[in-house]
Amino acid sequence: MKTPFTNLPFEEYQGIARILFHLLSQYPDAQLIRDFIDNDVPATWPAFAGDTGSREANRVGREALSHFLQQWDDSQLTELQLDYGQLFFGPGEPRAVPQGSVYLGEEQLLNDRSTVALMDFYKVHGVELKLPNHQPVDHIGFFFAVLDSTLGRLAQERGNTELKQFVQLLLGKHLLPWSGRCLELAAEHAQTEFYFGVALLAEDFLTQLSEDFSVVVTPARLFR
């Protein structure tokens, strides 16, 4: 039986969204990895079993993350940062470009029409992003920052249908049409088990949210 919406673990979901925001929007540092080790993140990351079944991406992602952390030492930091850069930042074009407009626009440009549509959506709903860097608002990491704050509010306002509808539209219209391809590319091109695992776990989390919020994904043609 599916968990009633008002009984969902919004606090737990908020924590996951916050972690993914930090992992996908900025370069890693040694303290981040030590925090992951100290808090045994792979063991405490939810398996999302039960109603949704046992998903392979979740298991493989947690195992990859666990193996990476077990053999970590600070001398690997440069390698990890290089992996983040080649996936999401540069130099050169990232292997898994983190901005949605590159997937949704035929010319594959930053700040294209889908970005403007997202900005308009945020304006209508009073969302103000305090961006950690000068990236377009449709950066995949920033979506998790918005989910972080929204899920936190839902933890306090479980019956708020407007917040539920906001998440449904955020995911169904602005993120899920392209995020699966971005995370697929990230998993394919990751040079470390860390970002391979992160990509799989991020996709699995979005799958869970889509199910819990009964999201209808807007069909979209992808250009990469």
C-alpha atoms as a PDB file:
ATOM      1  CA  MET A   1       0.000   0.000   0.000  1.00  0.00           C
ATOM      2  CA  LYS A   2       1.310   3.420  -0.939  1.00  0.00           C
ATOM      3  CA  THR A   3       2.245   5.733   1.910  1.00  0.00           C
ATOM      4  CA  PRO A   4      -0.309   8.567   2.280  1.00  0.00           C
ATOM      5  CA  PHE A   5       1.143  11.857   1.120  1.00  0.00           C
ATOM      6  CA  THR A   6       0.854  13.534   4.515  1.00  0.00           C
ATOM      7  CA  ASN A   7       2.826  10.665   6.093  1.00  0.00           C
ATOM      8  CA  LEU A   8       5.847  10.925   3.805  1.00  0.00           C
ATOM      9  CA  PRO A   9       9.259  11.401   5.487  1.00  0.00           C
ATOM     10  CA  PHE A  10       9.699  15.002   4.363  1.00  0.00           C
ATOM     11  CA  GLU A  11      12.462  15.684   6.901  1.00  0.00           C
ATOM     12  CA  GLU A  12      14.506  12.805   5.515  1.00  0.00           C
ATOM     13  CA  TYR A  13      13.826  13.907   1.950  1.00  0.00           C
ATOM     14  CA  GLN A  14      14.901  17.440   2.845  1.00  0.00           C
ATOM     15  CA  GLY A  15      18.218  16.124   4.136  1.00  0.00           C
ATOM     16  CA  ILE A  16      18.831  14.183   0.934  1.00  0.00           C
ATOM     17  CA  ALA A  17      18.004  17.219  -1.205  1.00  0.00           C
ATOM     18  CA  ARG A  18      20.464  19.318   0.789  1.00  0.00           C
ATOM     19  CA  ILE A  19      23.236  16.764   0.352  1.00  0.00           C
ATOM     20  CA  LEU A  20      22.633  16.544  -3.393  1.00  0.00           C
ATOM     21  CA  PHE A  21      22.618  20.321  -3.710  1.00  0.00           C
ATOM     22  CA  HIS A  22      26.113  20.501  -2.210  1.00  0.00           C
ATOM     23  CA  LEU A  23      27.401  17.519  -4.186  1.00  0.00           C
ATOM     24  CA  LEU A  24      26.195  18.700  -7.590  1.00  0.00           C
ATOM     25  CA  SER A  25      26.645  22.460  -7.373  1.00  0.00           C
ATOM     26  CA  GLN A  26      30.228  22.839  -6.153  1.00  0.00           C
ATOM     27  CA  TYR A  27      33.651  21.242  -6.089  1.00  0.00           C
ATOM     28  CA  PRO A  28      34.206  18.726  -3.263  1.00  0.00           C
ATOM     29  CA  ASP A  29      36.619  19.361  -0.408  1.00  0.00           C
ATOM     30  CA  ALA A  30      38.255  17.006   2.069  1.00  0.00           C
ATOM     31  CA  GLN A  31      35.922  18.043   4.884  1.00  0.00           C
ATOM     32  CA  LEU A  32      32.900  16.964   2.844  1.00  0.00           C
ATOM     33  CA  ILE A  33      34.352  13.492   2.398  1.00  0.00           C
ATOM     34  CA  ARG A  34      35.297  13.215   6.065  1.00  0.00           C
ATOM     35  CA  ASP A  35      31.730  14.187   6.997  1.00  0.00           C
ATOM     36  CA  PHE A  36      30.427  11.451   4.702  1.00  0.00           C
ATOM     37  CA  ILE A  37      32.704   8.938   6.400  1.00  0.00           C
ATOM     38  CA  ASP A  38      31.893  10.106   9.945  1.00  0.00           C
ATOM     39  CA  ASN A  39      28.150   9.925   9.262  1.00  0.00           C
ATOM     40  CA  ASP A  40      28.388   6.672   7.259  1.00  0.00           C
ATOM     41  CA  VAL A  41      26.249   8.177   4.517  1.00  0.00           C
ATOM     42  CA  PRO A  42      26.063   5.022   2.329  1.00  0.00           C
ATOM     43  CA  ALA A  43      24.656   2.996   5.226  1.00  0.00           C
ATOM     44  CA  THR A  44      22.142   5.648   6.295  1.00  0.00           C
ATOM     45  CA  TRP A  45      20.989   6.556   2.783  1.00  0.00           C
ATOM     46  CA  PRO A  46      17.436   5.194   2.401  1.00  0.00           C
ATOM     47  CA  ALA A  47      16.955   2.181   0.155  1.00  0.00           C
ATOM     48  CA  PHE A  48      13.472   3.309  -0.955  1.00  0.00           C
ATOM     49  CA  ALA A  49      12.237  -0.266  -0.964  1.00  0.00           C
ATOM     50  CA  GLY A  50       8.698  -1.428  -0.190  1.00  0.00           C
ATOM     51  CA  ASP A  51       6.094   0.292  -2.324  1.00  0.00           C
ATOM     52  CA  THR A  52       8.552   1.152  -5.097  1.00  0.00           C
ATOM     53  CA  GLY A  53      10.375  -2.166  -5.040  1.00  0.00           C
ATOM     54  CA  SER A  54      14.089  -2.714  -4.765  1.00  0.00           C
ATOM     55  CA  ARG A  55      15.772  -0.482  -7.344  1.00  0.00           C
ATOM     56  CA  GLU A  56      19.116  -1.552  -8.693  1.00  0.00           C
ATOM     57  CA  ALA A  57      20.446   2.006  -9.086  1.00  0.00           C
ATOM     58  CA  ASN A  58      19.995   2.611  -5.373  1.00  0.00           C
ATOM     59  CA  ARG A  59      21.873  -0.527  -4.342  1.00  0.00           C
ATOM     60  CA  VAL A  60      24.706  -0.033  -6.828  1.00  0.00           C
ATOM     61  CA  GLY A  61      24.998   3.651  -5.958  1.00  0.00           C
ATOM     62  CA  ARG A  62      25.275   3.026  -2.231  1.00  0.00           C
ATOM     63  CA  GLU A  63      27.805   0.238  -2.775  1.00  0.00           C
ATOM     64  CA  ALA A  64      29.961   2.440  -5.020  1.00  0.00           C
ATOM     65  CA  LEU A  65      29.886   5.269  -2.505  1.00  0.00           C
ATOM     66  CA  SER A  66      30.716   2.917   0.345  1.00  0.00           C
ATOM     67  CA  HIS A  67      33.673   1.370  -1.470  1.00  0.00           C
ATOM     68  CA  PHE A  68      35.050   4.779  -2.380  1.00  0.00           C
ATOM     69  CA  LEU A  69      34.846   6.061   1.190  1.00  0.00           C
ATOM     70  CA  GLN A  70      36.415   2.925   2.656  1.00  0.00           C
ATOM     71  CA  GLN A  71      39.642   3.495   0.734  1.00  0.00           C
ATOM     72  CA  TRP A  72      39.698   7.294   0.947  1.00  0.00           C
ATOM     73  CA  ASP A  73      42.671   9.368   1.928  1.00  0.00           C
ATOM     74  CA  ASP A  74      43.136  13.096   1.430  1.00  0.00           C
ATOM     75  CA  SER A  75      45.725  12.586  -1.317  1.00  0.00           C
ATOM     76  CA  GLN A  76      42.824  11.625  -3.627  1.00  0.00           C
ATOM     77  CA  LEU A  77      41.179  15.031  -3.363  1.00  0.00           C
ATOM     78  CA  THR A  78      42.684  16.414  -6.582  1.00  0.00           C
ATOM     79  CA  GLU A  79      41.474  13.376  -8.525  1.00  0.00           C
ATOM     80  CA  LEU A  80      37.985  13.814  -7.069  1.00  0.00           C
ATOM     81  CA  GLN A  81      37.903  17.509  -7.909  1.00  0.00           C
ATOM     82  CA  LEU A  82      39.058  16.796 -11.448  1.00  0.00           C
ATOM     83  CA  ASP A  83      36.233  14.296 -11.786  1.00  0.00           C
ATOM     84  CA  TYR A  84      33.675  16.875 -10.674  1.00  0.00           C
ATOM     85  CA  GLY A  85      35.139  19.379 -13.118  1.00  0.00           C
ATOM     86  CA  GLN A  86      35.086  17.124 -16.164  1.00  0.00           C
ATOM     87  CA  LEU A  87      31.522  16.073 -15.384  1.00  0.00           C
ATOM     88  CA  PHE A  88      29.839  19.326 -14.424  1.00  0.00           C
ATOM     89  CA  PHE A  89      32.073  22.375 -14.845  1.00  0.00           C
ATOM     90  CA  GLY A  90      34.987  22.290 -17.276  1.00  0.00           C
ATOM     91  CA  PRO A  91      37.447  23.411 -18.575  1.00  0.00           C
ATOM     92  CA  GLY A  92      35.891  22.712 -21.904  1.00  0.00           C
ATOM     93  CA  GLU A  93      32.369  21.415 -22.224  1.00  0.00           C
ATOM     94  CA  PRO A  94      31.363  19.220 -19.275  1.00  0.00           C
ATOM     95  CA  ARG A  95      30.545  15.592 -20.026  1.00  0.00           C
ATOM     96  CA  ALA A  96      27.252  15.869 -18.112  1.00  0.00           C
ATOM     97  CA  VAL A  97      26.252  19.487 -18.657  1.00  0.00           C
ATOM     98  CA  PRO A  98      24.228  20.401 -15.543  1.00  0.00           C
ATOM     99  CA  GLN A  99      21.979  23.061 -17.146  1.00  0.00           C
ATOM    100  CA  GLY A 100      18.607  22.011 -18.479  1.00  0.00           C
ATOM    101  CA  SER A 101      18.480  24.377 -21.462  1.00  0.00           C
ATOM    102  CA  VAL A 102      21.364  22.532 -23.126  1.00  0.00           C
ATOM    103  CA  TYR A 103      19.215  19.395 -23.272  1.00  0.00           C
ATOM    104  CA  LEU A 104      15.904  21.080 -24.085  1.00  0.00           C
ATOM    105  CA  GLY A 105      16.962  23.624 -26.707  1.00  0.00           C
ATOM    106  CA  GLU A 106      17.815  22.655 -30.263  1.00  0.00           C
ATOM    107  CA  GLU A 107      20.804  25.021 -30.263  1.00  0.00           C
ATOM    108  CA  GLN A 108      21.953  23.630 -26.892  1.00  0.00           C
ATOM    109  CA  LEU A 109      22.578  27.065 -25.371  1.00  0.00           C
ATOM    110  CA  LEU A 110      22.773  28.267 -21.799  1.00  0.00           C
ATOM    111  CA  ASN A 111      20.017  30.600 -20.588  1.00  0.00           C
ATOM    112  CA  ASP A 112      17.690  29.582 -23.401  1.00  0.00           C
ATOM    113  CA  ARG A 113      13.887  29.616 -23.405  1.00  0.00           C
ATOM    114  CA  SER A 114      13.506  26.830 -20.866  1.00  0.00           C
ATOM    115  CA  THR A 115      15.705  28.781 -18.448  1.00  0.00           C
ATOM    116  CA  VAL A 116      13.534  31.865 -18.873  1.00  0.00           C
ATOM    117  CA  ALA A 117      10.433  29.734 -18.290  1.00  0.00           C
ATOM    118  CA  LEU A 118      11.933  28.435 -15.053  1.00  0.00           C
ATOM    119  CA  MET A 119      12.790  31.974 -13.929  1.00  0.00           C
ATOM    120  CA  ASP A 120       9.205  33.039 -14.612  1.00  0.00           C
ATOM    121  CA  PHE A 121       7.942  30.009 -12.674  1.00  0.00           C
ATOM    122  CA  TYR A 122      10.093  30.918  -9.700  1.00  0.00           C
ATOM    123  CA  LYS A 123       8.960  34.535  -9.841  1.00  0.00           C
ATOM    124  CA  VAL A 124       5.279  33.546  -9.817  1.00  0.00           C
ATOM    125  CA  HIS A 125       5.870  31.329  -6.782  1.00  0.00           C
ATOM    126  CA  GLY A 126       8.086  33.757  -4.903  1.00  0.00           C
ATOM    127  CA  VAL A 127      11.222  31.636  -5.086  1.00  0.00           C
ATOM    128  CA  GLU A 128      14.438  33.593  -4.563  1.00  0.00           C
ATOM    129  CA  LEU A 129      17.656  31.684  -5.167  1.00  0.00           C
ATOM    130  CA  LYS A 130      20.864  32.703  -3.426  1.00  0.00           C
ATOM    131  CA  LEU A 131      23.229  31.160  -5.921  1.00  0.00           C
ATOM    132  CA  PRO A 132      26.700  30.081  -4.755  1.00  0.00           C
ATOM    133  CA  ASN A 133      28.206  30.954  -8.139  1.00  0.00           C
ATOM    134  CA  HIS A 134      27.283  32.603 -11.417  1.00  0.00           C
ATOM    135  CA  GLN A 135      25.558  29.607 -12.950  1.00  0.00           C
ATOM    136  CA  PRO A 136      22.156  29.728 -14.711  1.00  0.00           C
ATOM    137  CA  VAL A 137      19.198  28.963 -12.456  1.00  0.00           C
ATOM    138  CA  ASP A 138      18.463  25.698 -14.281  1.00  0.00           C
ATOM    139  CA  HIS A 139      21.648  24.072 -12.939  1.00  0.00           C
ATOM    140  CA  ILE A 140      20.623  20.639 -11.652  1.00  0.00           C
ATOM    141  CA  GLY A 141      22.194  21.299  -8.268  1.00  0.00           C
ATOM    142  CA  PHE A 142      20.062  24.390  -7.703  1.00  0.00           C
ATOM    143  CA  PHE A 143      16.868  22.390  -8.166  1.00  0.00           C
ATOM    144  CA  PHE A 144      17.850  20.411  -5.086  1.00  0.00           C
ATOM    145  CA  ALA A 145      18.299  23.673  -3.153  1.00  0.00           C
ATOM    146  CA  VAL A 146      14.702  24.597  -4.007  1.00  0.00           C
ATOM    147  CA  LEU A 147      13.549  21.098  -3.050  1.00  0.00           C
ATOM    148  CA  ASP A 148      15.447  21.410   0.228  1.00  0.00           C
ATOM    149  CA  SER A 149      13.501  24.499   1.305  1.00  0.00           C
ATOM    150  CA  THR A 150      10.172  23.265  -0.068  1.00  0.00           C
ATOM    151  CA  LEU A 151      10.380  19.841   1.561  1.00  0.00           C
ATOM    152  CA  GLY A 152      11.307  21.559   4.814  1.00  0.00           C
ATOM    153  CA  ARG A 153       8.133  23.586   4.606  1.00  0.00           C
ATOM    154  CA  LEU A 154       6.109  20.473   3.812  1.00  0.00           C
ATOM    155  CA  ALA A 155       7.470  18.843   6.954  1.00  0.00           C
ATOM    156  CA  GLN A 156       5.734  21.640   8.874  1.00  0.00           C
ATOM    157  CA  GLU A 157       2.716  22.048   6.564  1.00  0.00           C
ATOM    158  CA  ARG A 158       1.871  18.524   5.490  1.00  0.00           C
ATOM    159  CA  GLY A 159      -1.561  19.435   4.210  1.00  0.00           C
ATOM    160  CA  ASN A 160      -0.370  22.343   2.062  1.00  0.00           C
ATOM    161  CA  THR A 161      -1.693  21.456  -1.402  1.00  0.00           C
ATOM    162  CA  GLU A 162      -0.074  24.520  -2.989  1.00  0.00           C
ATOM    163  CA  LEU A 163       3.378  23.276  -1.980  1.00  0.00           C
ATOM    164  CA  LYS A 164       2.541  19.834  -3.338  1.00  0.00           C
ATOM    165  CA  GLN A 165       1.455  21.327  -6.650  1.00  0.00           C
ATOM    166  CA  PHE A 166       4.604  23.469  -6.747  1.00  0.00           C
ATOM    167  CA  VAL A 167       6.791  20.363  -6.449  1.00  0.00           C
ATOM    168  CA  GLN A 168       4.714  18.541  -9.053  1.00  0.00           C
ATOM    169  CA  LEU A 169       5.261  21.353 -11.554  1.00  0.00           C
ATOM    170  CA  LEU A 170       8.903  21.899 -10.625  1.00  0.00           C
ATOM    171  CA  LEU A 171       9.677  18.252 -11.240  1.00  0.00           C
ATOM    172  CA  GLY A 172       7.269  17.420 -14.025  1.00  0.00           C
ATOM    173  CA  LYS A 173       7.754  20.485 -16.192  1.00  0.00           C
ATOM    174  CA  HIS A 174      11.183  21.889 -15.378  1.00  0.00           C
ATOM    175  CA  LEU A 175      13.480  19.118 -14.080  1.00  0.00           C
ATOM    176  CA  LEU A 176      12.479  15.541 -14.881  1.00  0.00           C
ATOM    177  CA  PRO A 177      12.149  16.035 -18.656  1.00  0.00           C
ATOM    178  CA  TRP A 178      15.972  16.278 -18.850  1.00  0.00           C
ATOM    179  CA  SER A 179      17.555  15.353 -15.505  1.00  0.00           C
ATOM    180  CA  GLY A 180      17.592  11.629 -16.229  1.00  0.00           C
ATOM    181  CA  ARG A 181      19.794  12.202 -19.273  1.00  0.00           C
ATOM    182  CA  CYS A 182      22.157  14.460 -17.330  1.00  0.00           C
ATOM    183  CA  LEU A 183      22.566  11.907 -14.546  1.00  0.00           C
ATOM    184  CA  GLU A 184      22.900   9.065 -17.062  1.00  0.00           C
ATOM    185  CA  LEU A 185      25.820  10.919 -18.658  1.00  0.00           C
ATOM    186  CA  ALA A 186      27.315  11.607 -15.239  1.00  0.00           C
ATOM    187  CA  ALA A 187      27.234   7.912 -14.325  1.00  0.00           C
ATOM    188  CA  GLU A 188      28.625   6.943 -17.745  1.00  0.00           C
ATOM    189  CA  HIS A 189      31.569   9.364 -17.652  1.00  0.00           C
ATOM    190  CA  ALA A 190      32.391   9.419 -13.935  1.00  0.00           C
ATOM    191  CA  GLN A 191      36.038   8.590 -13.282  1.00  0.00           C
ATOM    192  CA  THR A 192      35.507   7.938  -9.577  1.00  0.00           C
ATOM    193  CA  GLU A 193      33.114   5.659  -7.746  1.00  0.00           C
ATOM    194  CA  PHE A 194      32.065   8.707  -5.736  1.00  0.00           C
ATOM    195  CA  TYR A 195      30.375  10.580  -8.574  1.00  0.00           C
ATOM    196  CA  PHE A 196      29.197   7.362 -10.195  1.00  0.00           C
ATOM    197  CA  GLY A 197      27.351   6.573  -6.968  1.00  0.00           C
ATOM    198  CA  VAL A 198      26.089  10.140  -6.552  1.00  0.00           C
ATOM    199  CA  ALA A 199      24.588  10.125 -10.054  1.00  0.00           C
ATOM    200  CA  LEU A 200      22.751   6.855  -9.439  1.00  0.00           C
ATOM    201  CA  LEU A 201      21.450   7.941  -6.031  1.00  0.00           C
ATOM    202  CA  ALA A 202      20.287  11.316  -7.332  1.00  0.00           C
ATOM    203  CA  GLU A 203      18.305   9.655 -10.112  1.00  0.00           C
ATOM    204  CA  ASP A 204      16.816   7.166  -7.666  1.00  0.00           C
ATOM    205  CA  PHE A 205      15.773   9.962  -5.305  1.00  0.00           C
ATOM    206  CA  LEU A 206      14.058  11.830  -8.131  1.00  0.00           C
ATOM    207  CA  THR A 207      12.253   8.624  -9.076  1.00  0.00           C
ATOM    208  CA  GLN A 208      11.006   8.328  -5.501  1.00  0.00           C
ATOM    209  CA  LEU A 209       9.804  11.937  -5.417  1.00  0.00           C
ATOM    210  CA  SER A 210       8.059  11.471  -8.748  1.00  0.00           C
ATOM    211  CA  GLU A 211       6.158   8.511  -7.351  1.00  0.00           C
ATOM    212  CA  ASP A 212       5.342  10.117  -4.004  1.00  0.00           C
ATOM    213  CA  PHE A 213       4.132  13.367  -5.553  1.00  0.00           C
ATOM    214  CA  SER A 214       2.303  11.635  -8.445  1.00  0.00           C
ATOM    215  CA  VAL A 215       4.238  13.714 -10.948  1.00  0.00           C
ATOM    216  CA  VAL A 216       3.151  13.865 -14.583  1.00  0.00           C
ATOM    217  CA  VAL A 217       6.281  14.512 -16.649  1.00  0.00           C
ATOM    218  CA  THR A 218       5.915  16.843 -19.630  1.00  0.00           C
ATOM    219  CA  PRO A 219       7.154  15.094 -22.781  1.00  0.00           C
ATOM    220  CA  ALA A 220      10.197  16.812 -24.227  1.00  0.00           C
ATOM    221  CA  ARG A 221      12.605  16.215 -27.061  1.00  0.00           C
ATOM    222  CA  LEU A 222      16.199  16.101 -25.854  1.00  0.00           C
ATOM    223  CA  PHE A 223      19.059  17.341 -28.019  1.00  0.00           C
ATOM    224  CA  ARG A 224      21.892  15.412 -26.359  1.00  0.00           C
END
